Protein backbone atom coordinates (compact mmCIF):
# COMPACT_ATOMS: atom_id res chain seq x y z
CA MET A 1 -66.87 -74.73 11.81
CA ASN A 2 -68.58 -72.24 14.14
CA LEU A 3 -71.64 -73.69 15.83
CA PHE A 4 -72.73 -70.62 17.72
CA LYS A 5 -73.17 -66.93 17.18
CA LYS A 6 -73.67 -64.43 19.95
CA SER A 7 -77.36 -63.57 19.92
CA PRO A 8 -78.95 -60.17 20.59
CA PRO A 9 -82.34 -60.06 22.31
CA ALA A 10 -84.73 -62.35 20.47
CA PRO A 11 -88.43 -61.92 19.75
CA LYS A 12 -90.79 -62.30 22.65
CA LYS A 13 -92.90 -65.40 22.78
CA GLU A 14 -96.62 -64.76 22.78
CA ILE A 15 -97.19 -65.98 26.32
CA SER A 16 -99.37 -63.70 28.40
CA ARG A 17 -97.73 -64.25 31.78
CA GLU A 18 -94.23 -63.66 30.41
CA ARG A 19 -95.32 -60.40 28.76
CA ILE A 20 -96.81 -59.32 32.07
CA TRP A 21 -93.61 -60.15 33.96
CA ARG A 22 -91.38 -58.32 31.50
CA ASP A 23 -93.69 -55.31 31.39
CA MET A 24 -93.73 -55.13 35.19
CA TYR A 25 -89.93 -55.21 35.18
CA GLU A 26 -89.41 -52.70 32.39
CA ASN A 27 -92.40 -50.41 32.99
CA GLY A 28 -93.14 -50.79 36.67
CA GLY A 29 -94.73 -47.43 37.34
CA ARG A 30 -93.32 -44.73 39.59
CA LEU A 31 -92.29 -47.16 42.33
CA ASN A 32 -90.61 -49.72 40.01
CA ILE A 33 -91.28 -52.38 42.61
CA ALA A 34 -90.69 -55.42 40.38
CA ALA A 35 -87.34 -54.05 39.19
CA SER A 36 -86.38 -53.04 42.74
CA ILE A 37 -87.17 -56.50 44.12
CA SER A 38 -85.24 -58.21 41.32
CA ALA A 39 -82.24 -55.91 41.73
CA GLU A 40 -82.15 -56.28 45.53
CA ALA A 41 -82.46 -60.07 45.36
CA ALA A 42 -79.63 -60.21 42.80
CA ARG A 43 -77.50 -57.97 45.03
CA LEU A 44 -78.02 -60.18 48.07
CA VAL A 45 -77.35 -63.36 46.07
CA THR A 46 -74.10 -62.14 44.52
CA LEU A 47 -72.85 -59.99 47.41
CA GLU A 48 -69.12 -60.71 47.82
CA MET A 49 -69.59 -63.83 45.72
CA SER A 50 -66.44 -65.47 44.39
CA SER A 51 -65.89 -68.64 42.40
CA GLY A 52 -63.11 -70.21 40.40
CA ILE A 53 -62.00 -73.33 38.54
CA TYR A 54 -58.67 -74.92 39.31
CA GLY A 55 -56.71 -78.17 38.99
CA SER A 56 -55.27 -78.49 35.45
CA LYS A 57 -54.52 -76.82 32.14
CA ARG A 58 -58.11 -77.50 31.14
CA ALA A 59 -59.20 -75.70 34.30
CA GLU A 60 -57.14 -72.63 33.34
CA VAL A 61 -58.86 -72.39 29.94
CA LEU A 62 -62.28 -72.86 31.48
CA ASP A 63 -61.62 -70.38 34.26
CA GLY A 64 -60.61 -67.67 31.81
CA ALA A 65 -64.10 -67.77 30.26
CA TYR A 66 -65.77 -68.53 33.58
CA GLN A 67 -64.55 -65.34 35.24
CA LYS A 68 -66.30 -63.33 32.52
CA VAL A 69 -69.53 -65.10 33.47
CA ILE A 70 -68.93 -64.45 37.18
CA GLY A 71 -68.29 -60.79 36.38
CA LYS A 72 -71.80 -60.54 34.95
CA ALA A 73 -73.46 -62.64 37.65
CA ARG A 74 -75.34 -59.78 39.26
CA SER A 75 -76.85 -58.54 35.98
CA PHE A 76 -78.02 -61.91 34.67
CA CYS A 77 -79.20 -62.88 38.16
CA GLU A 78 -81.39 -59.77 38.21
CA LEU A 79 -82.79 -60.71 34.80
CA ALA A 80 -83.52 -64.23 36.04
CA CYS A 81 -85.27 -62.88 39.13
CA ALA A 82 -87.41 -60.65 36.91
CA LEU A 83 -88.36 -63.15 34.19
CA GLY A 84 -88.16 -66.47 36.01
CA GLY A 85 -84.88 -67.67 34.53
CA VAL A 86 -81.98 -67.16 32.14
CA MET A 87 -80.26 -69.66 29.89
CA LEU A 88 -76.46 -69.60 30.00
CA LYS A 89 -75.26 -70.70 26.57
CA PRO A 90 -71.50 -70.96 25.95
CA TYR A 91 -70.32 -70.76 22.35
CA ILE A 92 -67.07 -70.44 20.45
CA ALA A 93 -65.95 -67.15 18.87
CA ASP A 94 -62.46 -66.68 17.41
CA GLY A 95 -61.20 -69.73 19.29
CA ARG A 96 -62.45 -68.49 22.66
CA ILE A 97 -65.35 -69.50 24.86
CA GLU A 98 -67.96 -66.76 25.10
CA THR A 99 -71.39 -66.82 26.72
CA ALA A 100 -74.84 -65.67 25.66
CA PHE A 101 -77.35 -64.90 28.41
CA VAL A 102 -80.74 -65.71 26.93
CA PRO A 103 -83.78 -64.45 28.91
CA ALA A 104 -86.78 -66.65 29.54
CA ASP A 105 -88.90 -65.04 26.83
CA SER A 106 -86.29 -65.68 24.12
CA PHE A 107 -86.27 -69.48 24.19
CA GLU A 108 -88.72 -72.32 24.57
CA VAL A 109 -88.29 -75.77 26.06
CA THR A 110 -89.06 -78.63 23.66
CA ALA A 111 -88.08 -81.72 25.67
CA THR A 112 -87.48 -82.68 29.28
CA ALA A 113 -86.30 -85.82 31.08
CA PRO A 114 -88.53 -87.58 33.64
CA ASP A 115 -86.72 -85.73 36.45
CA GLY A 116 -87.48 -82.36 34.84
CA THR A 117 -84.03 -81.83 33.34
CA ILE A 118 -84.25 -79.77 30.15
CA CYS A 119 -83.10 -81.83 27.14
CA GLY A 120 -84.38 -79.75 24.23
CA VAL A 121 -84.45 -76.00 23.66
CA ARG A 122 -85.20 -73.62 20.79
CA PHE A 123 -83.32 -70.32 20.89
CA PHE A 124 -84.67 -67.40 18.85
CA GLU A 125 -82.84 -64.45 17.33
CA ARG A 126 -84.42 -61.60 15.39
CA LEU A 127 -82.61 -59.46 12.83
CA GLU A 128 -83.60 -56.64 10.49
CA LEU A 129 -81.67 -56.49 7.21
CA ASP A 130 -82.42 -54.36 4.14
CA GLY A 131 -85.86 -53.54 5.45
CA LYS A 132 -86.73 -57.21 6.02
CA ARG A 133 -87.24 -59.00 9.31
CA TYR A 134 -85.65 -62.38 9.86
CA ILE A 135 -85.87 -64.89 12.69
CA LYS A 136 -83.31 -67.61 13.38
CA CYS A 137 -84.33 -70.71 15.29
CA GLU A 138 -81.43 -72.64 16.80
CA GLU A 139 -82.66 -75.91 18.24
CA HIS A 140 -80.72 -78.17 20.61
CA LEU A 141 -81.79 -81.72 21.36
CA LEU A 142 -80.00 -84.15 23.67
CA SER A 143 -80.80 -87.83 23.15
CA GLN A 144 -79.23 -91.04 24.43
CA GLU A 145 -77.37 -91.50 21.15
CA SER A 146 -76.20 -87.99 20.22
CA TYR A 147 -76.58 -84.24 20.53
CA ILE A 148 -78.25 -82.55 17.56
CA ILE A 149 -78.16 -78.85 16.69
CA THR A 150 -80.29 -77.49 13.85
CA ASN A 151 -80.38 -73.94 12.49
CA ARG A 152 -83.25 -72.53 10.47
CA ALA A 153 -83.97 -69.01 9.22
CA TYR A 154 -87.39 -67.48 8.59
CA LEU A 155 -88.57 -64.34 6.83
CA ASP A 156 -91.16 -62.61 9.01
CA SER A 157 -93.59 -60.63 6.87
CA LEU A 158 -96.60 -59.16 8.68
CA GLY A 159 -96.54 -61.99 11.16
CA VAL A 160 -96.36 -64.69 8.49
CA LYS A 161 -93.12 -66.69 8.70
CA ARG A 162 -91.59 -68.34 5.64
CA GLU A 163 -88.44 -70.46 5.86
CA VAL A 164 -85.48 -69.17 3.83
CA PRO A 165 -81.91 -70.48 3.36
CA LEU A 166 -79.40 -69.45 6.02
CA SER A 167 -77.23 -68.05 3.23
CA GLU A 168 -79.85 -65.35 2.61
CA VAL A 169 -78.72 -63.62 5.82
CA SER A 170 -75.00 -62.80 5.72
CA VAL A 171 -74.40 -63.05 9.49
CA TRP A 172 -75.92 -66.54 9.53
CA SER A 173 -74.44 -67.82 6.29
CA SER A 174 -71.52 -69.59 8.04
CA LEU A 175 -73.86 -71.69 10.22
CA GLU A 176 -74.54 -75.28 9.33
CA GLU A 177 -78.14 -76.43 9.09
CA ARG A 178 -77.51 -79.58 11.13
CA VAL A 179 -74.68 -80.61 13.45
CA VAL A 180 -74.46 -83.92 15.30
CA ILE A 181 -72.10 -84.39 18.25
CA GLU A 182 -71.56 -87.89 19.59
CA LYS A 183 -70.97 -89.01 23.18
CA VAL A 184 -72.43 -85.96 24.87
CA LYS A 185 -74.03 -86.47 28.30
CA SER A 186 -75.38 -82.97 28.95
CA GLY A 187 -76.67 -79.99 26.98
CA LEU A 188 -74.55 -77.16 25.61
CA PHE A 189 -76.57 -74.80 27.76
CA SER A 190 -77.37 -74.37 31.44
CA TYR A 191 -80.65 -73.09 32.80
CA PHE A 192 -80.56 -70.72 35.76
CA GLY A 193 -84.16 -70.90 36.91
CA MET A 194 -85.85 -69.41 39.92
CA PRO A 195 -86.90 -71.97 42.58
CA PHE A 196 -90.49 -70.73 42.40
CA VAL A 197 -93.30 -72.71 40.79
CA VAL A 198 -95.26 -71.20 37.91
CA THR A 199 -98.67 -71.41 39.56
CA GLU A 200 -100.48 -71.03 36.21
CA ASP A 201 -98.64 -74.11 34.90
CA ILE A 202 -97.33 -76.28 37.72
CA ALA A 203 -95.92 -78.81 35.23
CA SER A 204 -93.65 -76.21 33.64
CA PRO A 205 -89.89 -76.95 33.95
CA LEU A 206 -89.26 -73.20 34.08
CA GLY A 207 -89.29 -70.93 37.09
CA ALA A 208 -91.40 -67.92 38.04
CA PRO A 209 -90.08 -64.44 38.90
CA ILE A 210 -89.41 -63.66 42.51
CA PHE A 211 -92.37 -61.26 42.49
CA ALA A 212 -94.81 -63.64 40.74
CA ARG A 213 -96.91 -64.14 43.89
CA ALA A 214 -97.18 -60.40 44.46
CA VAL A 215 -98.36 -59.20 41.04
CA SER A 216 -101.74 -57.94 42.30
CA LEU A 217 -100.16 -56.44 45.42
CA ILE A 218 -97.66 -54.52 43.29
CA GLU A 219 -100.56 -53.09 41.30
CA ASP A 220 -102.23 -52.12 44.59
CA ALA A 221 -99.05 -50.39 45.77
CA ASN A 222 -98.78 -48.36 42.58
CA ARG A 223 -102.42 -47.25 42.90
CA GLN A 224 -101.89 -46.33 46.55
CA TYR A 225 -98.81 -44.29 45.67
CA GLU A 226 -100.79 -42.47 42.97
CA ARG A 227 -103.36 -41.61 45.67
CA LEU A 228 -100.55 -40.16 47.78
CA LEU A 229 -99.30 -38.01 44.90
CA TRP A 230 -102.84 -36.86 44.15
CA GLU A 231 -103.35 -35.95 47.81
CA PHE A 232 -100.35 -33.62 47.67
CA GLU A 233 -101.24 -32.25 44.24
CA SER A 234 -104.89 -31.61 45.04
CA GLY A 235 -103.98 -30.08 48.39
CA GLU A 236 -101.49 -27.55 47.06
CA ARG A 237 -101.81 -24.10 48.53
CA ALA A 238 -103.76 -21.65 46.38
CA LEU A 239 -104.76 -17.98 46.50
CA TYR A 240 -108.23 -17.33 45.04
CA ILE A 241 -108.87 -13.86 43.61
CA ASP A 242 -111.63 -12.35 41.54
CA GLU A 243 -110.87 -12.05 37.85
CA THR A 244 -111.64 -8.30 37.92
CA ALA A 245 -108.69 -7.78 40.27
CA VAL A 246 -106.21 -9.21 37.82
CA ARG A 247 -104.08 -7.02 35.58
CA ARG A 248 -104.62 -7.68 31.88
CA GLY A 249 -102.29 -7.60 28.90
CA ARG A 250 -102.83 -5.92 25.54
CA ARG A 251 -104.95 -8.80 24.30
CA GLY A 252 -106.90 -9.08 27.51
CA GLU A 253 -105.00 -12.06 28.85
CA ALA A 254 -104.61 -12.38 32.60
CA GLN A 255 -101.15 -11.55 33.94
CA LEU A 256 -100.63 -13.58 37.10
CA PRO A 257 -97.36 -13.44 39.08
CA ASP A 258 -97.58 -17.22 39.63
CA LYS A 259 -100.10 -19.21 37.60
CA ARG A 260 -99.69 -22.23 39.86
CA LEU A 261 -100.41 -20.28 43.05
CA TYR A 262 -103.09 -17.81 41.93
CA ARG A 263 -106.50 -19.00 40.75
CA MET A 264 -109.26 -16.77 39.39
CA LEU A 265 -112.96 -16.82 40.19
CA ALA A 266 -115.80 -14.83 38.62
CA THR A 267 -117.43 -13.45 41.81
CA GLY A 268 -117.74 -9.76 40.95
CA ASN A 269 -115.89 -8.88 44.15
CA ASP A 270 -112.60 -7.25 43.19
CA GLU A 271 -111.49 -7.39 46.83
CA LEU A 272 -111.68 -11.19 47.00
CA PHE A 273 -108.39 -12.64 48.23
CA ASN A 274 -108.85 -16.05 49.89
CA ASP A 275 -106.11 -18.43 50.95
CA TRP A 276 -106.71 -22.17 50.27
CA SER A 277 -104.55 -24.44 52.45
CA PRO A 278 -106.38 -27.76 52.97
CA GLU A 279 -105.23 -30.40 55.41
CA ILE A 280 -103.11 -33.13 53.78
CA ARG A 281 -104.28 -36.65 54.68
CA ASP A 282 -100.92 -38.21 53.94
CA GLU A 283 -100.47 -40.27 57.13
CA ALA A 284 -103.37 -42.65 56.50
CA ILE A 285 -102.38 -43.14 52.86
CA ILE A 286 -98.72 -43.77 53.75
CA ASN A 287 -99.71 -46.27 56.44
CA GLY A 288 -101.81 -48.12 53.89
CA LEU A 289 -98.91 -48.14 51.43
CA GLU A 290 -96.56 -49.49 54.10
CA ARG A 291 -98.91 -52.39 54.83
CA ILE A 292 -99.07 -53.27 51.14
CA LEU A 293 -95.28 -53.11 50.81
CA GLN A 294 -94.87 -55.39 53.81
CA ARG A 295 -97.26 -57.91 52.28
CA ILE A 296 -95.24 -57.76 49.04
CA GLU A 297 -92.07 -58.45 51.02
CA PHE A 298 -93.69 -61.44 52.70
CA ASN A 299 -95.02 -62.91 49.43
CA CYS A 300 -91.60 -62.49 47.81
CA GLY A 301 -89.76 -64.11 50.71
CA LEU A 302 -87.93 -60.94 51.70
CA ALA A 303 -87.33 -59.35 55.09
CA TYR A 304 -89.54 -56.50 56.27
CA GLY A 305 -87.78 -53.24 55.51
CA THR A 306 -86.49 -54.33 52.11
CA LEU A 307 -89.13 -52.11 50.47
CA SER A 308 -91.09 -50.75 53.41
CA ASP A 309 -89.98 -48.39 56.15
CA PRO A 310 -88.18 -50.53 58.78
CA GLN A 311 -89.56 -48.22 61.49
CA ALA A 312 -93.16 -48.44 60.28
CA VAL A 313 -94.04 -51.27 62.68
CA GLU A 314 -92.42 -52.03 66.02
CA LYS A 315 -91.14 -55.59 66.25
CA THR A 316 -89.51 -57.74 68.89
CA ALA A 317 -85.98 -59.05 68.44
CA GLU A 318 -87.41 -62.49 67.61
CA GLU A 319 -89.72 -61.05 64.95
CA ILE A 320 -86.81 -59.20 63.37
CA ARG A 321 -84.74 -62.37 63.35
CA ALA A 322 -87.60 -64.37 61.79
CA SER A 323 -87.97 -61.70 59.10
CA LYS A 324 -84.25 -61.85 58.30
CA GLN A 325 -84.37 -65.64 58.35
CA ARG A 326 -87.08 -65.59 55.68
CA SER A 327 -84.90 -63.42 53.46
CA TYR A 328 -81.88 -65.62 54.20
CA ALA A 329 -83.79 -68.75 53.17
CA THR A 330 -84.84 -67.12 49.89
CA VAL A 331 -81.33 -65.93 49.11
CA THR A 332 -79.89 -69.35 49.97
CA GLU A 333 -82.27 -71.04 47.54
CA LEU A 334 -81.32 -68.56 44.81
CA GLN A 335 -77.62 -69.11 45.50
CA THR A 336 -78.11 -72.87 45.20
CA ALA A 337 -79.89 -72.39 41.86
CA LEU A 338 -77.10 -70.09 40.68
CA LYS A 339 -74.42 -72.54 41.79
CA ASN A 340 -76.10 -75.41 39.91
CA ALA A 341 -76.44 -73.26 36.80
CA LEU A 342 -72.77 -72.30 36.90
CA ILE A 343 -71.74 -75.94 37.31
CA GLY A 344 -73.91 -76.71 34.30
CA TRP A 345 -72.17 -73.95 32.34
CA VAL A 346 -68.78 -75.46 33.21
CA LYS A 347 -69.89 -78.86 31.95
CA ALA A 348 -71.15 -77.34 28.70
CA ALA A 349 -67.94 -75.35 28.24
CA ASP A 350 -65.91 -78.48 28.96
CA ILE A 351 -67.71 -80.26 26.11
CA LEU A 352 -66.87 -77.36 23.79
CA CYS A 353 -63.21 -77.70 24.82
CA ASP A 354 -63.35 -81.31 23.60
CA VAL A 355 -65.20 -80.49 20.37
CA TYR A 356 -62.86 -77.65 19.43
CA SER A 357 -59.67 -79.07 21.06
CA LEU A 358 -59.18 -75.89 23.08
CA ALA A 359 -57.25 -77.55 25.90
CA PRO A 360 -55.97 -81.01 26.87
CA GLU A 361 -58.19 -83.18 29.03
CA GLY A 362 -57.72 -82.77 32.76
CA GLU A 363 -59.43 -82.92 36.13
CA TYR A 364 -60.82 -79.70 37.56
CA SER A 365 -62.74 -78.49 40.59
CA ILE A 366 -64.86 -75.44 41.22
CA ASP A 367 -65.21 -73.54 44.48
CA PHE A 368 -67.87 -71.09 45.58
CA ALA A 369 -67.99 -68.52 48.35
CA PHE A 370 -71.13 -66.54 49.17
CA ASP A 371 -71.64 -63.85 51.77
CA ASP A 372 -74.06 -64.87 54.55
CA SER A 373 -74.00 -61.66 56.56
CA ILE A 374 -77.66 -60.88 55.81
CA VAL A 375 -78.61 -63.08 58.75
CA ALA A 376 -75.39 -64.22 60.41
CA ASP A 377 -72.82 -62.19 62.27
CA ARG A 378 -69.70 -63.38 60.43
CA THR A 379 -67.33 -62.17 63.15
CA ALA A 380 -69.29 -63.83 65.95
CA GLU A 381 -69.54 -67.07 63.97
CA PHE A 382 -65.79 -67.00 63.29
CA ASP A 383 -65.06 -66.56 66.98
CA GLU A 384 -67.39 -69.42 67.86
CA ARG A 385 -65.80 -71.75 65.33
CA MET A 386 -62.33 -70.84 66.58
CA ARG A 387 -63.39 -71.86 70.08
CA LEU A 388 -64.65 -75.18 68.69
CA LEU A 389 -61.35 -75.62 66.87
CA ASP A 390 -59.37 -74.92 70.06
CA LYS A 391 -61.43 -77.54 71.91
CA GLY A 392 -60.93 -80.10 69.15
CA VAL A 393 -64.63 -80.27 68.25
CA ILE A 394 -63.83 -79.44 64.61
CA THR A 395 -60.65 -79.96 62.61
CA ALA A 396 -58.46 -77.39 60.87
CA ASP A 397 -59.62 -78.75 57.50
CA GLU A 398 -63.26 -78.27 58.48
CA MET A 399 -62.47 -74.72 59.56
CA LYS A 400 -60.76 -74.00 56.23
CA ALA A 401 -63.65 -75.54 54.29
CA TRP A 402 -66.09 -73.24 56.08
CA TYR A 403 -63.93 -70.13 55.69
CA PHE A 404 -62.81 -70.61 52.08
CA GLY A 405 -65.65 -72.77 50.74
CA LYS A 406 -63.42 -74.93 48.54
CA GLY A 407 -63.66 -78.41 47.14
CA ALA A 408 -66.81 -78.83 45.00
CA LYS A 409 -66.02 -81.42 42.32
CA VAL A 410 -67.92 -81.07 39.04
CA ASN A 411 -66.30 -83.48 36.53
CA GLU A 412 -66.50 -86.77 38.34
């Protein structure tokens, strides 16, 4: 019995803000600011990141699948930063644990606990077969008594959806319409959400993209950059000549040595030859663009210089440190969200190990190590901690815990 199938990108939900976020990420204009912010944040979050599961035979099985997830951490982290979140959904394929990374616009939350924990989700998958469009809705619901999974298929004809048997679509024919799993304490999914509130819906359990508070500023930056390009284009050097001074072809067409450089005027003066070299007002436009970029950086919780020119504004050492500290705080929050999501994935995969008898029961632990060099001098901090160790202020175990980052229990 195979409960899960790996899902390709599903249909977008008709939610205005999510369409805007995706469009900004995929079609962000010449500057691609939304994509650049998401990519840079993901890079900082996953820079030199390492994580592993250890402790038992069960841990070995889990870690084999887990390392595949870690290997894709930067890509799905970027997607989460761009769309507000990604659902990590482990499933079984050919006796192995695989993972689907479902973006925020391909699922909807149907139930939450009082503390905001997601208890119910609908996952959507779209498929075209024999000229027909189908949609599969896979719904998960965690209750106090059991865990229920239902699968339904729909024929989408001109926007009108009609339910059809799963057997009508060959790739879904092996799925069961309803599966009930007893004694499950957490969902078979893990939500990696951004720690930013959706200001349009503060009660939403989902997160907002890292650039959500800079949407208007990003539009301003794109318009300012277009002004800069227009300033260069409109100020291109030109040589104006009278049309009577131009050699003609057999059909009377003008034969110019460079159509971009030479421009004709009907003045009647065949000796006209004027050079047009206007002054380019690029400095004022660039300064304006830099100010907008810096405001985007601030609204996104990033250090000045992430998008803007680091030399655009002189700053004191304290201002530089404060700017880096802001970026460090943002990255730390994202790393915490990623860590919690990965722990949730491990719990979900552990349940699948029980359901499918993939490995014997056993204790396991998970360790994480993240790079903190964006604000801290790792070498200086190491030297300082070694001095504390030599003076007996900290123990060798505390030093190892800081250096290796081991010991986070997840299956207590």
